[in-house]
Amino acid sequence: MRQYEQATNAHEIDRVVPLIAEDAVYWFSDGSYRGVAEITGAIERTSATIRDEAYGIGDLEWVVLTADHAVCRYRFSWTGIVDGRPRSGAGRGTNVVVKRDGTWKMRHEHLST
């Protein structure tokens, strides 16, 4: 999750894509996205809307942790510039992570505010 948080804060989609499973499904407040293309499109739209975003994950709890699967829940927060004005937000997240070819990848993400 820390690697995912750091990749998100780098604002370089090429750092985030390798961390997402091909068959991933993400649920965001603005809709549901299936597969890497839809998910990266949603992430890129958010990046274009929120300039200089700083995204943080806190209160991380691993509720399932096996050799090939993990589930966590956490609180997230963000700050940035929207329409030229400072903005911020926060919410809750749940992620399902799977190990594929020796690498942990996001299989599902659910963010809610």
Protein backbone atom coordinates (compact mmCIF):
# COMPACT_ATOMS: atom_id res chain seq x y z
CA MET A 1 0.00 0.00 0.00
CA ARG A 2 2.88 2.39 0.67
CA GLN A 3 4.27 1.71 -2.82
CA TYR A 4 0.80 2.37 -4.24
CA GLU A 5 0.50 5.60 -2.24
CA GLN A 6 3.94 6.75 -3.45
CA ALA A 7 3.13 5.90 -7.07
CA THR A 8 -0.13 7.83 -6.82
CA ASN A 9 1.66 10.87 -5.40
CA ALA A 10 4.25 10.78 -8.20
CA HIS A 11 1.44 11.74 -10.61
CA GLU A 12 2.94 9.41 -13.22
CA ILE A 13 0.38 6.87 -14.39
CA ASP A 14 3.19 4.59 -15.62
CA ARG A 15 4.15 4.02 -11.97
CA VAL A 16 0.61 3.09 -10.97
CA VAL A 17 -0.30 0.77 -13.88
CA PRO A 18 2.06 -2.10 -12.92
CA LEU A 19 0.36 -2.23 -9.51
CA ILE A 20 -3.12 -2.86 -10.96
CA ALA A 21 -4.33 -6.35 -11.97
CA GLU A 22 -5.62 -6.65 -15.54
CA ASP A 23 -9.03 -7.80 -14.26
CA ALA A 24 -9.30 -5.19 -11.49
CA VAL A 25 -12.52 -3.41 -10.59
CA TYR A 26 -12.44 -0.03 -8.85
CA TRP A 27 -15.42 1.67 -7.22
CA PHE A 28 -15.03 5.42 -6.81
CA SER A 29 -17.58 8.01 -5.74
CA ASP A 30 -18.08 9.02 -9.38
CA GLY A 31 -18.53 5.51 -10.79
CA SER A 32 -17.26 1.98 -11.27
CA TYR A 33 -14.35 1.06 -13.53
CA ARG A 34 -13.36 -2.36 -14.86
CA GLY A 35 -9.93 -3.19 -16.28
CA VAL A 36 -6.71 -1.22 -16.46
CA ALA A 37 -7.81 1.09 -19.31
CA GLU A 38 -10.97 2.29 -17.54
CA ILE A 39 -9.21 2.57 -14.18
CA THR A 40 -6.26 4.55 -15.51
CA GLY A 41 -8.67 6.80 -17.41
CA ALA A 42 -10.47 7.59 -14.14
CA ILE A 43 -7.17 8.21 -12.34
CA GLU A 44 -5.97 10.51 -15.12
CA ARG A 45 -9.23 12.50 -15.05
CA THR A 46 -8.86 12.95 -11.30
CA SER A 47 -5.26 14.09 -11.74
CA ALA A 48 -6.36 16.62 -14.34
CA THR A 49 -9.07 17.95 -11.99
CA ILE A 50 -7.02 18.06 -8.78
CA ARG A 51 -3.72 19.80 -9.42
CA ASP A 52 -0.75 19.23 -7.10
CA GLU A 53 -2.68 16.52 -5.26
CA ALA A 54 -1.13 15.02 -2.15
CA TYR A 55 -2.79 11.68 -1.31
CA GLY A 56 -2.33 9.97 2.03
CA ILE A 57 -3.29 6.63 3.53
CA GLY A 58 -3.68 6.29 7.29
CA ASP A 59 -5.07 3.88 9.87
CA LEU A 60 -4.17 0.97 7.58
CA GLU A 61 -5.46 -2.39 8.82
CA TRP A 62 -4.86 -5.73 7.12
CA VAL A 63 -7.99 -7.80 7.72
CA VAL A 64 -6.88 -10.77 5.55
CA LEU A 65 -3.28 -11.66 4.79
CA THR A 66 -2.27 -14.93 3.12
CA ALA A 67 0.52 -15.91 0.77
CA ASP A 68 -1.50 -14.89 -2.32
CA HIS A 69 -4.34 -12.63 -1.13
CA ALA A 70 -4.69 -9.65 1.15
CA VAL A 71 -7.51 -7.31 2.11
CA CYS A 72 -7.02 -4.00 3.84
CA ARG A 73 -9.11 -1.07 4.98
CA TYR A 74 -7.89 2.44 5.66
CA ARG A 75 -8.69 6.11 5.77
CA PHE A 76 -7.48 8.35 2.99
CA SER A 77 -7.10 12.08 2.62
CA TRP A 78 -6.11 14.42 -0.15
CA THR A 79 -5.28 18.06 -0.68
CA GLY A 80 -4.80 19.92 -3.93
CA ILE A 81 -5.93 22.74 -6.17
CA VAL A 82 -9.34 22.51 -7.87
CA ASP A 83 -10.45 25.32 -10.17
CA GLY A 84 -7.61 27.47 -8.83
CA ARG A 85 -8.60 27.07 -5.19
CA PRO A 86 -7.16 24.92 -2.38
CA ARG A 87 -9.40 21.92 -1.66
CA SER A 88 -9.23 18.81 0.45
CA GLY A 89 -11.19 15.68 1.16
CA ALA A 90 -11.13 12.41 3.04
CA GLY A 91 -12.83 9.07 3.12
CA ARG A 92 -12.50 5.34 3.59
CA GLY A 93 -10.90 2.73 1.38
CA THR A 94 -10.90 -1.02 1.04
CA ASN A 95 -8.52 -2.90 -1.24
CA VAL A 96 -8.21 -6.51 -2.31
CA VAL A 97 -4.66 -7.35 -3.36
CA VAL A 98 -3.55 -10.53 -5.13
CA LYS A 99 -0.12 -11.94 -5.82
CA ARG A 100 0.40 -12.66 -9.51
CA ASP A 101 3.72 -13.80 -10.94
CA GLY A 102 5.39 -12.89 -7.66
CA THR A 103 4.05 -9.32 -7.63
CA TRP A 104 1.27 -7.84 -5.50
CA LYS A 105 -1.45 -6.17 -7.60
CA MET A 106 -4.67 -4.34 -6.83
CA ARG A 107 -7.65 -6.53 -7.74
CA HIS A 108 -10.30 -4.27 -6.24
CA GLU A 109 -10.41 -0.80 -4.73
CA HIS A 110 -13.43 0.81 -3.13
CA LEU A 111 -13.15 4.45 -2.05
CA SER A 112 -16.00 6.30 -0.41
CA THR A 113 -16.32 9.74 1.09
